[in-house]
Amino acid sequence: MRVRGIDALGDWNFGKGRSDYKQANNAIAQNIKTRLKSFLNDCFFDVTAGIDWFNLMGSKNIVELKLKVAACILNTPEVTSLIEVSTNLSNDRNITITYSVETVYGRILNQVINQGI
């Protein structure tokens, strides 16, 4: 797998040729991060993509939230299994997601993603 890299603000990287792209596990980790930060109904050509962050974080249903996060990670292309996932929901509607997965290229361990609404 090969994808164009994104910076800390989520914008595509340009100007450095091939070094602007990520491959293998780096590309998969970026895809997972992008998918987890996507909101339901936000993509005009696939309104089913993303997570319903507004309702899940508002209801504070931790079990359902963790299941949706796990499903999102597992449905990412080239992810073969989920080793572990943990969610930490704060009172100010921020969530920290830590996960480890097995991919077709090997393991991605202890990745941390912060999401807030």
C-alpha atoms as a PDB file:
ATOM      1  CA  MET A   1       0.000   0.000   0.000  1.00  0.00           C
ATOM      2  CA  ARG A   2       1.149   3.531  -0.794  1.00  0.00           C
ATOM      3  CA  VAL A   3      -0.645   6.779   0.104  1.00  0.00           C
ATOM      4  CA  ARG A   4       0.228  10.467   0.037  1.00  0.00           C
ATOM      5  CA  GLY A   5       1.388  11.567   3.468  1.00  0.00           C
ATOM      6  CA  ILE A   6      -0.467  14.142   5.528  1.00  0.00           C
ATOM      7  CA  ASP A   7       0.915  16.695   7.945  1.00  0.00           C
ATOM      8  CA  ALA A   8      -0.152  17.414  11.537  1.00  0.00           C
ATOM      9  CA  LEU A   9      -3.089  19.530  10.297  1.00  0.00           C
ATOM     10  CA  GLY A  10      -4.360  16.802   7.963  1.00  0.00           C
ATOM     11  CA  ASP A  11      -3.199  18.477   4.739  1.00  0.00           C
ATOM     12  CA  TRP A  12      -1.440  16.533   1.982  1.00  0.00           C
ATOM     13  CA  ASN A  13       2.331  16.777   1.725  1.00  0.00           C
ATOM     14  CA  PHE A  14       3.729  18.135  -1.544  1.00  0.00           C
ATOM     15  CA  GLY A  15       7.084  19.201  -2.916  1.00  0.00           C
ATOM     16  CA  LYS A  16       9.380  16.369  -1.874  1.00  0.00           C
ATOM     17  CA  GLY A  17       8.644  13.800  -4.582  1.00  0.00           C
ATOM     18  CA  ARG A  18       8.499  10.216  -3.394  1.00  0.00           C
ATOM     19  CA  SER A  19       9.228  11.158   0.202  1.00  0.00           C
ATOM     20  CA  ASP A  20       5.739  12.730   0.322  1.00  0.00           C
ATOM     21  CA  TYR A  21       4.280   9.202   0.242  1.00  0.00           C
ATOM     22  CA  LYS A  22       3.913   6.618   2.981  1.00  0.00           C
ATOM     23  CA  GLN A  23       4.132   2.898   2.392  1.00  0.00           C
ATOM     24  CA  ALA A  24       3.306  -0.385   4.126  1.00  0.00           C
ATOM     25  CA  ASN A  25       2.529  -0.016   7.850  1.00  0.00           C
ATOM     26  CA  ASN A  26       3.015   3.765   7.820  1.00  0.00           C
ATOM     27  CA  ALA A  27       0.337   4.044   5.132  1.00  0.00           C
ATOM     28  CA  ILE A  28      -2.035   1.747   7.028  1.00  0.00           C
ATOM     29  CA  ALA A  29      -1.527   3.696  10.285  1.00  0.00           C
ATOM     30  CA  GLN A  30      -2.348   6.913   8.429  1.00  0.00           C
ATOM     31  CA  ASN A  31      -5.471   5.321   6.908  1.00  0.00           C
ATOM     32  CA  ILE A  32      -6.638   4.176  10.341  1.00  0.00           C
ATOM     33  CA  LYS A  33      -6.096   7.656  11.771  1.00  0.00           C
ATOM     34  CA  THR A  34      -7.973   9.274   8.885  1.00  0.00           C
ATOM     35  CA  ARG A  35     -10.876   6.828   9.186  1.00  0.00           C
ATOM     36  CA  LEU A  36     -11.136   7.318  12.961  1.00  0.00           C
ATOM     37  CA  LYS A  37     -11.217  11.099  12.577  1.00  0.00           C
ATOM     38  CA  SER A  38     -14.005  10.940   9.974  1.00  0.00           C
ATOM     39  CA  PHE A  39     -17.532  11.895  11.000  1.00  0.00           C
ATOM     40  CA  LEU A  40     -20.610  10.002   9.829  1.00  0.00           C
ATOM     41  CA  ASN A  41     -22.357  11.672   6.837  1.00  0.00           C
ATOM     42  CA  ASP A  42     -19.361  13.960   6.261  1.00  0.00           C
ATOM     43  CA  CYS A  43     -18.261  12.394   2.956  1.00  0.00           C
ATOM     44  CA  PHE A  44     -20.621  13.337   0.115  1.00  0.00           C
ATOM     45  CA  PHE A  45     -19.899  10.219  -1.952  1.00  0.00           C
ATOM     46  CA  ASP A  46     -20.166   7.768   0.966  1.00  0.00           C
ATOM     47  CA  VAL A  47     -22.497   9.041   3.690  1.00  0.00           C
ATOM     48  CA  THR A  48     -22.132   5.743   5.594  1.00  0.00           C
ATOM     49  CA  ALA A  49     -18.382   6.269   6.105  1.00  0.00           C
ATOM     50  CA  GLY A  50     -17.132   7.565   9.426  1.00  0.00           C
ATOM     51  CA  ILE A  51     -18.198   7.323  13.046  1.00  0.00           C
ATOM     52  CA  ASP A  52     -21.202   9.054  14.604  1.00  0.00           C
ATOM     53  CA  TRP A  53     -18.985  10.961  17.038  1.00  0.00           C
ATOM     54  CA  PHE A  54     -21.607  13.529  18.054  1.00  0.00           C
ATOM     55  CA  ASN A  55     -24.103  10.968  19.349  1.00  0.00           C
ATOM     56  CA  LEU A  56     -21.618   8.414  20.688  1.00  0.00           C
ATOM     57  CA  MET A  57     -19.579  10.897  22.693  1.00  0.00           C
ATOM     58  CA  GLY A  58     -22.680  12.762  23.827  1.00  0.00           C
ATOM     59  CA  SER A  59     -24.320   9.642  25.232  1.00  0.00           C
ATOM     60  CA  LYS A  60     -21.059   8.439  26.812  1.00  0.00           C
ATOM     61  CA  ASN A  61     -21.953   4.835  25.942  1.00  0.00           C
ATOM     62  CA  ILE A  62     -18.398   3.524  26.289  1.00  0.00           C
ATOM     63  CA  VAL A  63     -19.195  -0.017  25.133  1.00  0.00           C
ATOM     64  CA  GLU A  64     -20.839   1.081  21.880  1.00  0.00           C
ATOM     65  CA  LEU A  65     -18.125   3.667  21.293  1.00  0.00           C
ATOM     66  CA  LYS A  66     -15.375   1.071  21.706  1.00  0.00           C
ATOM     67  CA  LEU A  67     -17.204  -1.339  19.368  1.00  0.00           C
ATOM     68  CA  LYS A  68     -17.534   1.337  16.651  1.00  0.00           C
ATOM     69  CA  VAL A  69     -13.853   2.250  16.975  1.00  0.00           C
ATOM     70  CA  ALA A  70     -12.818  -1.413  16.781  1.00  0.00           C
ATOM     71  CA  ALA A  71     -15.036  -1.990  13.720  1.00  0.00           C
ATOM     72  CA  CYS A  72     -13.594   1.077  12.008  1.00  0.00           C
ATOM     73  CA  ILE A  73     -10.040  -0.150  12.592  1.00  0.00           C
ATOM     74  CA  LEU A  74     -10.809  -3.725  11.507  1.00  0.00           C
ATOM     75  CA  ASN A  75     -12.509  -2.548   8.312  1.00  0.00           C
ATOM     76  CA  THR A  76      -9.430  -0.606   7.234  1.00  0.00           C
ATOM     77  CA  PRO A  77      -7.860  -2.200   4.138  1.00  0.00           C
ATOM     78  CA  GLU A  78      -4.910  -4.518   4.839  1.00  0.00           C
ATOM     79  CA  VAL A  79      -5.620  -4.756   8.594  1.00  0.00           C
ATOM     80  CA  THR A  80      -5.878  -8.472   9.372  1.00  0.00           C
ATOM     81  CA  SER A  81      -6.620  -8.420  13.113  1.00  0.00           C
ATOM     82  CA  LEU A  82      -7.026  -6.142  16.081  1.00  0.00           C
ATOM     83  CA  ILE A  83      -4.634  -6.975  18.909  1.00  0.00           C
ATOM     84  CA  GLU A  84      -5.973  -4.418  21.377  1.00  0.00           C
ATOM     85  CA  VAL A  85      -7.910  -1.188  21.517  1.00  0.00           C
ATOM     86  CA  SER A  86      -8.607   1.123  24.433  1.00  0.00           C
ATOM     87  CA  THR A  87     -10.599   4.309  24.648  1.00  0.00           C
ATOM     88  CA  ASN A  88     -10.403   7.051  27.234  1.00  0.00           C
ATOM     89  CA  LEU A  89     -13.292   9.516  27.096  1.00  0.00           C
ATOM     90  CA  SER A  90     -12.819  12.778  28.995  1.00  0.00           C
ATOM     91  CA  ASN A  91     -15.500  15.081  30.386  1.00  0.00           C
ATOM     92  CA  ASP A  92     -14.797  17.737  27.739  1.00  0.00           C
ATOM     93  CA  ARG A  93     -15.831  15.467  24.807  1.00  0.00           C
ATOM     94  CA  ASN A  94     -12.307  14.415  23.868  1.00  0.00           C
ATOM     95  CA  ILE A  95     -11.322  10.823  23.334  1.00  0.00           C
ATOM     96  CA  THR A  96      -7.930   9.170  23.276  1.00  0.00           C
ATOM     97  CA  ILE A  97      -7.755   5.922  21.311  1.00  0.00           C
ATOM     98  CA  THR A  98      -4.818   3.553  21.704  1.00  0.00           C
ATOM     99  CA  TYR A  99      -4.619   0.513  19.448  1.00  0.00           C
ATOM    100  CA  SER A 100      -2.370  -2.249  18.181  1.00  0.00           C
ATOM    101  CA  VAL A 101      -3.110  -4.210  15.004  1.00  0.00           C
ATOM    102  CA  GLU A 102      -1.750  -6.945  12.811  1.00  0.00           C
ATOM    103  CA  THR A 103      -1.479  -6.023   9.122  1.00  0.00           C
ATOM    104  CA  VAL A 104      -0.363  -7.786   5.969  1.00  0.00           C
ATOM    105  CA  TYR A 105       3.063  -6.155   6.569  1.00  0.00           C
ATOM    106  CA  GLY A 106       3.417  -6.948  10.279  1.00  0.00           C
ATOM    107  CA  ARG A 107       2.358  -5.334  13.546  1.00  0.00           C
ATOM    108  CA  ILE A 108       1.557  -1.726  14.337  1.00  0.00           C
ATOM    109  CA  LEU A 109       1.857  -1.312  18.105  1.00  0.00           C
ATOM    110  CA  ASN A 110       0.589   1.299  20.564  1.00  0.00           C
ATOM    111  CA  GLN A 111      -0.670   3.981  18.195  1.00  0.00           C
ATOM    112  CA  VAL A 112      -2.403   6.907  19.906  1.00  0.00           C
ATOM    113  CA  ILE A 113      -5.077   9.073  18.294  1.00  0.00           C
ATOM    114  CA  ASN A 114      -6.809  12.022  19.918  1.00  0.00           C
ATOM    115  CA  GLN A 115     -10.249  13.079  18.698  1.00  0.00           C
ATOM    116  CA  GLY A 116     -12.358  15.893  19.986  1.00  0.00           C
ATOM    117  CA  ILE A 117     -15.673  17.420  19.010  1.00  0.00           C
END
